Amino acid sequence: MATTAGGPGSWSENILQYFLRNNQITTEDGAQITWYHAANHKAQLKEALKSTAHMIEADVLLASNGSDHGQPIMAHPPESSSDNTLQEWLTEVVKSNKGIKLDFKSLAAVEPSMVLLENVKRHLRRPMWINADILPGPNGNSRVVDAKPFIDTVTSFFPDVTFSLGWTTGWHPEKVNEGYTWTMVKEMECICSELNQPVTFPVRAALVRQSCSQLLWLLQKSNRLSGCRILGSQRFSLRTLKGLLLCFPVCRE
């Protein structure tokens, strides 16, 4: 069985070990890791690079019109254009020591993006997470990135990358929201059982408490399944957040 992460400087290095090794956190606690999300446009990226965030997340899709047609650009649907291509984005990020998470919104963007990443890999001796929503989840839609070609394409270029594999989700404030079902986590485990790379799972914060048993089961299936990140735009009380950590202490980033 593969280990949970690669060695120092590899793209699959555990982010806690990386930032601890670089004296940017004081203990292996995911709660100390800070993120800058949606660093897509040039102004957002500039702010992210100046910030104290340890990890920068950005979204990648393939431009469908304009001068960047056919190029990977940094944008989140419903946007279809950007003032920042992936190539320009990488040129700036390589000057920093921040970890990277690239969130792919379409399969078409993956291979041309891997080519660009291959050109700068020697300059990126840091954790690299490649993310896509590959399965429909609670209240989610069916617009997922096809899992097998996504994973196969990434692995053909970078067998040492960390995968971040998620579900499409939704949230209805006026309704009862069901969590991640056993069917959902077992389908994810079936996909991950074929992988040798570390895998992390982005999960929606509002759905964690009703899914503790399922998500813990998933994480305990292999030491490659290194943890998950609690995501979401809903506001929670301190008491609720403490409850999440007590229920699901591995999700602490």
Protein backbone atom coordinates (compact mmCIF):
# COMPACT_ATOMS: atom_id res chain seq x y z
CA MET A 1 0.00 0.00 0.00
CA ALA A 2 1.25 3.45 -0.87
CA THR A 3 2.15 5.91 1.82
CA THR A 4 -0.07 8.88 2.55
CA ALA A 5 2.28 11.39 0.97
CA GLY A 6 5.47 11.87 -0.98
CA GLY A 7 8.82 13.13 0.18
CA PRO A 8 9.93 16.72 0.77
CA GLY A 9 9.39 18.92 -2.27
CA SER A 10 7.15 16.45 -4.08
CA TRP A 11 3.69 17.41 -5.26
CA SER A 12 2.22 14.76 -2.99
CA GLU A 13 3.99 15.98 0.15
CA ASN A 14 1.59 16.30 3.06
CA ILE A 15 0.76 19.99 3.38
CA LEU A 16 1.11 19.93 7.17
CA GLN A 17 4.61 18.49 6.92
CA TYR A 18 5.54 20.94 4.18
CA PHE A 19 4.51 24.06 6.09
CA LEU A 20 5.88 22.71 9.37
CA ARG A 21 9.21 22.01 7.65
CA ASN A 22 9.23 25.59 6.36
CA ASN A 23 8.39 27.01 9.80
CA GLN A 24 5.06 28.41 8.61
CA ILE A 25 2.99 26.49 11.16
CA THR A 26 3.91 25.30 14.64
CA THR A 27 2.23 21.89 14.78
CA GLU A 28 0.68 19.33 12.44
CA ASP A 29 -2.81 20.75 12.81
CA GLY A 30 -4.89 21.48 9.72
CA ALA A 31 -6.64 24.28 11.59
CA GLN A 32 -3.43 26.30 11.20
CA ILE A 33 -3.53 26.11 7.40
CA THR A 34 -5.12 29.16 5.78
CA TRP A 35 -6.51 29.34 2.27
CA TYR A 36 -7.16 31.98 -0.35
CA HIS A 37 -10.02 30.81 -2.54
CA ALA A 38 -10.92 31.76 -6.11
CA ALA A 39 -7.62 33.51 -6.87
CA ASN A 40 -8.61 33.63 -10.52
CA HIS A 41 -8.37 37.16 -11.87
CA LYS A 42 -5.09 39.06 -11.78
CA ALA A 43 -6.20 41.36 -8.96
CA GLN A 44 -7.30 38.41 -6.83
CA LEU A 45 -4.08 36.53 -7.51
CA LYS A 46 -1.99 39.57 -6.58
CA GLU A 47 -3.90 39.84 -3.30
CA ALA A 48 -3.49 36.12 -2.64
CA LEU A 49 0.26 36.21 -3.18
CA LYS A 50 0.60 39.15 -0.79
CA SER A 51 -1.60 37.49 1.83
CA THR A 52 -0.55 35.20 4.67
CA ALA A 53 -2.48 32.30 3.13
CA HIS A 54 -0.55 29.05 2.94
CA MET A 55 -2.54 27.58 0.05
CA ILE A 56 -3.94 29.27 -3.05
CA GLU A 57 -6.95 27.79 -4.79
CA ALA A 58 -8.03 28.74 -8.31
CA ASP A 59 -10.43 27.46 -10.95
CA VAL A 60 -9.48 26.33 -14.44
CA LEU A 61 -11.63 26.03 -17.54
CA LEU A 62 -11.08 26.19 -21.27
CA ALA A 63 -11.74 29.52 -22.96
CA SER A 64 -14.47 29.18 -25.55
CA ASN A 65 -14.14 32.55 -27.24
CA GLY A 66 -11.94 35.61 -27.62
CA SER A 67 -8.19 35.76 -28.06
CA ASP A 68 -7.69 33.02 -25.45
CA HIS A 69 -9.91 30.53 -27.30
CA GLY A 70 -8.77 26.99 -26.56
CA GLN A 71 -6.41 28.04 -23.75
CA PRO A 72 -6.85 27.16 -20.07
CA ILE A 73 -8.01 30.27 -18.23
CA MET A 74 -8.70 31.08 -14.60
CA ALA A 75 -12.45 31.41 -14.11
CA HIS A 76 -15.38 29.86 -12.26
CA PRO A 77 -18.65 29.15 -14.08
CA PRO A 78 -20.84 30.90 -15.06
CA GLU A 79 -17.85 33.04 -16.10
CA SER A 80 -16.42 31.96 -19.44
CA SER A 81 -13.65 34.54 -19.82
CA SER A 82 -10.86 35.92 -17.67
CA ASP A 83 -8.03 38.45 -17.66
CA ASN A 84 -5.74 35.62 -16.53
CA THR A 85 -4.63 32.51 -18.40
CA LEU A 86 -3.24 29.53 -16.54
CA GLN A 87 0.15 30.21 -18.09
CA GLU A 88 0.15 33.78 -16.75
CA TRP A 89 -1.12 32.55 -13.38
CA LEU A 90 1.67 30.00 -13.05
CA THR A 91 4.31 32.57 -14.00
CA GLU A 92 3.36 34.57 -10.90
CA VAL A 93 2.76 31.69 -8.50
CA VAL A 94 6.16 30.05 -9.08
CA LYS A 95 7.74 33.15 -7.50
CA SER A 96 6.06 32.30 -4.18
CA ASN A 97 6.30 29.39 -1.75
CA LYS A 98 2.56 28.86 -1.47
CA GLY A 99 0.88 25.52 -1.98
CA ILE A 100 -1.45 25.19 -4.95
CA LYS A 101 -4.87 23.71 -5.56
CA LEU A 102 -6.25 23.82 -9.10
CA ASP A 103 -9.96 23.10 -9.43
CA PHE A 104 -10.91 21.81 -12.88
CA LYS A 105 -14.38 22.66 -14.12
CA SER A 106 -14.19 20.74 -17.39
CA LEU A 107 -12.38 17.69 -18.69
CA ALA A 108 -11.34 19.59 -21.82
CA ALA A 109 -9.13 21.89 -19.74
CA VAL A 110 -7.17 19.10 -18.06
CA GLU A 111 -4.67 17.91 -20.69
CA PRO A 112 -3.59 21.37 -21.97
CA SER A 113 -3.22 22.44 -18.33
CA MET A 114 -1.01 19.44 -17.56
CA VAL A 115 1.26 20.44 -20.45
CA LEU A 116 1.66 23.92 -18.94
CA LEU A 117 2.29 22.48 -15.49
CA GLU A 118 4.93 20.14 -16.89
CA ASN A 119 6.85 23.17 -18.15
CA VAL A 120 7.12 24.67 -14.64
CA LYS A 121 7.20 21.55 -12.47
CA ARG A 122 10.89 21.90 -11.63
CA HIS A 123 10.09 25.30 -10.09
CA LEU A 124 7.17 24.01 -8.02
CA ARG A 125 8.69 21.97 -5.20
CA ARG A 126 5.63 22.23 -3.00
CA PRO A 127 2.25 20.54 -2.47
CA MET A 128 0.10 20.49 -5.59
CA TRP A 129 -3.54 19.45 -5.38
CA ILE A 130 -5.55 18.72 -8.51
CA ASN A 131 -9.28 18.91 -7.85
CA ALA A 132 -12.49 18.04 -9.66
CA ASP A 133 -16.03 17.17 -8.65
CA ILE A 134 -16.32 13.69 -10.09
CA LEU A 135 -19.58 12.46 -8.52
CA PRO A 136 -23.02 13.93 -7.81
CA GLY A 137 -23.52 14.54 -4.10
CA PRO A 138 -26.22 15.87 -1.76
CA ASN A 139 -28.48 18.29 -3.64
CA GLY A 140 -25.84 18.30 -6.37
CA ASN A 141 -26.25 18.28 -10.10
CA SER A 142 -25.01 15.72 -12.59
CA ARG A 143 -22.53 18.10 -14.25
CA VAL A 144 -19.44 16.29 -13.03
CA VAL A 145 -15.98 15.83 -14.51
CA ASP A 146 -15.74 12.26 -15.82
CA ALA A 147 -13.63 10.51 -13.20
CA LYS A 148 -11.62 7.96 -15.21
CA PRO A 149 -10.30 10.21 -18.02
CA PHE A 150 -9.64 12.98 -15.50
CA ILE A 151 -7.59 10.74 -13.21
CA ASP A 152 -5.87 8.93 -16.09
CA THR A 153 -4.84 12.18 -17.78
CA VAL A 154 -3.45 13.75 -14.62
CA THR A 155 -1.63 10.57 -13.60
CA SER A 156 -0.06 10.16 -17.05
CA PHE A 157 1.70 13.49 -16.53
CA PHE A 158 2.16 13.56 -12.74
CA PRO A 159 1.98 10.27 -10.83
CA ASP A 160 3.09 12.07 -7.65
CA VAL A 161 0.30 14.65 -7.47
CA THR A 162 -2.28 14.85 -4.66
CA PHE A 163 -5.85 14.37 -5.86
CA SER A 164 -8.72 16.33 -4.36
CA LEU A 165 -11.87 14.48 -5.42
CA GLY A 166 -15.29 15.83 -4.61
CA TRP A 167 -19.01 15.64 -5.12
CA THR A 168 -21.25 18.31 -6.61
CA THR A 169 -23.40 19.62 -3.75
CA GLY A 170 -26.12 22.13 -3.05
CA TRP A 171 -27.72 23.74 -0.03
CA HIS A 172 -31.35 24.71 0.54
CA PRO A 173 -31.72 26.96 3.62
CA GLU A 174 -35.48 26.42 3.81
CA LYS A 175 -35.37 22.63 3.52
CA VAL A 176 -33.94 19.63 5.35
CA ASN A 177 -30.60 18.87 3.70
CA GLU A 178 -29.51 15.25 3.66
CA GLY A 179 -25.83 14.47 4.00
CA TYR A 180 -23.42 12.26 2.08
CA THR A 181 -25.08 8.86 1.73
CA TRP A 182 -23.48 5.45 1.98
CA THR A 183 -23.97 5.02 -1.76
CA MET A 184 -22.05 8.25 -2.41
CA VAL A 185 -19.06 7.41 -0.22
CA LYS A 186 -18.89 3.80 -1.40
CA GLU A 187 -18.84 4.95 -5.01
CA MET A 188 -16.00 7.33 -4.16
CA GLU A 189 -14.11 4.59 -2.32
CA CYS A 190 -14.43 2.32 -5.35
CA ILE A 191 -12.74 4.97 -7.50
CA CYS A 192 -10.03 5.73 -4.95
CA SER A 193 -9.19 2.07 -4.35
CA GLU A 194 -7.52 2.02 -7.78
CA LEU A 195 -5.23 4.97 -7.00
CA ASN A 196 -1.71 5.10 -5.61
CA GLN A 197 -1.69 8.85 -4.91
CA PRO A 198 -2.82 10.61 -1.74
CA VAL A 199 -6.45 11.73 -1.93
CA THR A 200 -8.27 14.43 -0.01
CA PHE A 201 -11.99 15.16 -0.11
CA PRO A 202 -13.64 18.59 -0.15
CA VAL A 203 -16.91 18.37 1.80
CA ARG A 204 -19.61 20.95 2.43
CA ALA A 205 -19.58 22.10 6.07
CA ALA A 206 -23.36 22.17 6.40
CA LEU A 207 -23.53 18.47 5.48
CA VAL A 208 -20.77 17.06 7.70
CA ARG A 209 -22.65 16.47 10.95
CA GLN A 210 -25.26 14.26 9.29
CA SER A 211 -22.53 12.38 7.42
CA CYS A 212 -19.91 11.66 10.10
CA SER A 213 -20.21 7.87 9.97
CA GLN A 214 -20.04 7.76 6.19
CA LEU A 215 -17.10 10.14 5.83
CA LEU A 216 -15.11 8.54 8.64
CA TRP A 217 -15.67 5.14 7.03
CA LEU A 218 -14.34 6.50 3.75
CA LEU A 219 -11.20 7.95 5.32
CA GLN A 220 -10.47 4.78 7.24
CA LYS A 221 -10.44 2.61 4.11
CA SER A 222 -6.82 3.47 3.28
CA ASN A 223 -3.90 5.50 4.60
CA ARG A 224 -3.78 7.17 1.17
CA LEU A 225 -7.07 8.90 1.94
CA SER A 226 -5.40 11.65 3.88
CA GLY A 227 -8.25 13.83 5.04
CA CYS A 228 -10.84 16.30 3.89
CA ARG A 229 -11.48 20.00 3.82
CA ILE A 230 -14.62 21.56 5.21
CA LEU A 231 -16.02 23.99 2.67
CA GLY A 232 -19.08 26.21 2.48
CA SER A 233 -20.39 29.73 2.57
CA GLN A 234 -22.84 29.26 5.44
CA ARG A 235 -22.03 30.96 8.75
CA PHE A 236 -21.79 28.81 11.86
CA SER A 237 -21.61 29.53 15.55
CA LEU A 238 -18.43 28.67 17.45
CA ARG A 239 -20.36 25.94 19.23
CA THR A 240 -21.39 24.38 15.92
CA LEU A 241 -17.84 24.50 14.56
CA LYS A 242 -16.47 22.89 17.72
CA GLY A 243 -19.07 20.18 17.32
CA LEU A 244 -17.90 19.51 13.78
CA LEU A 245 -14.31 19.09 14.94
CA LEU A 246 -15.31 16.79 17.79
CA CYS A 247 -17.48 14.71 15.50
CA PHE A 248 -15.00 14.66 12.66
CA PRO A 249 -11.55 15.67 13.97
CA VAL A 250 -9.71 14.61 10.81
CA CYS A 251 -11.43 17.43 8.89
CA ARG A 252 -9.40 20.25 10.34
CA GLU A 253 -8.22 22.42 7.47
